[in-house]
Amino acid sequence: MASSFEGNRRRRFIAWLLGSSAGALLVSVLYPVFRFLSPPAVPEAATLQVEAGATDDPELIEKGFKILRFGAEPVILIRVSADNYRAFAATCTHLDCIVEYRPDSQRIWCNCHNGEYNISGVNLSGPPPRPLEEFQVDLVSRGSGRAQTIVVSRS
């Protein structure tokens, strides 16, 4: 009789051990999934304008464009001429790849799927379904120097 009681205790202990281990494994797998699917409700600060640098920025002069951060999103600033700048959302409207500017053809190009936009952000070829979001660009004089500050803001 005593050995039967001892066997039941062992079986219950092993069942409890296996059950709690399985429960811990399930929680350790499901918790990160739950946290991923429900991000925190912390709103990101809305950015209304960004200083993109000076008009004599070597990157803008050499490459003809510059990628900058506008809050959490990338923006492409394009130097069309010495006093003409344009800014657009730098993510392709097809699959959110980062675009770049080709000054030789004056086209904004997405290298992921060969999508092209014109200098006004309108989609011309490839898979992009809609134009790029345009931002307002202002040149602000600061001080007595010749270079002006480029300010990009939401339209």
Foldseek 3Di string as FASTA:
>chain_A
DVVVVVVVVVVVVVVVVVVVVVVVVVCVVVVVVVCVVDPDPDDFDQAFKDWPFKLVPPCCVVQQWDWDDRRPFIKIWGDLDSPDIWIFGQAFQQHGAGWGADNVVQWIFGPPFTWIAHVVQATDDTDRPGGTQTWDWDWADDPDDPITIIMTGHD
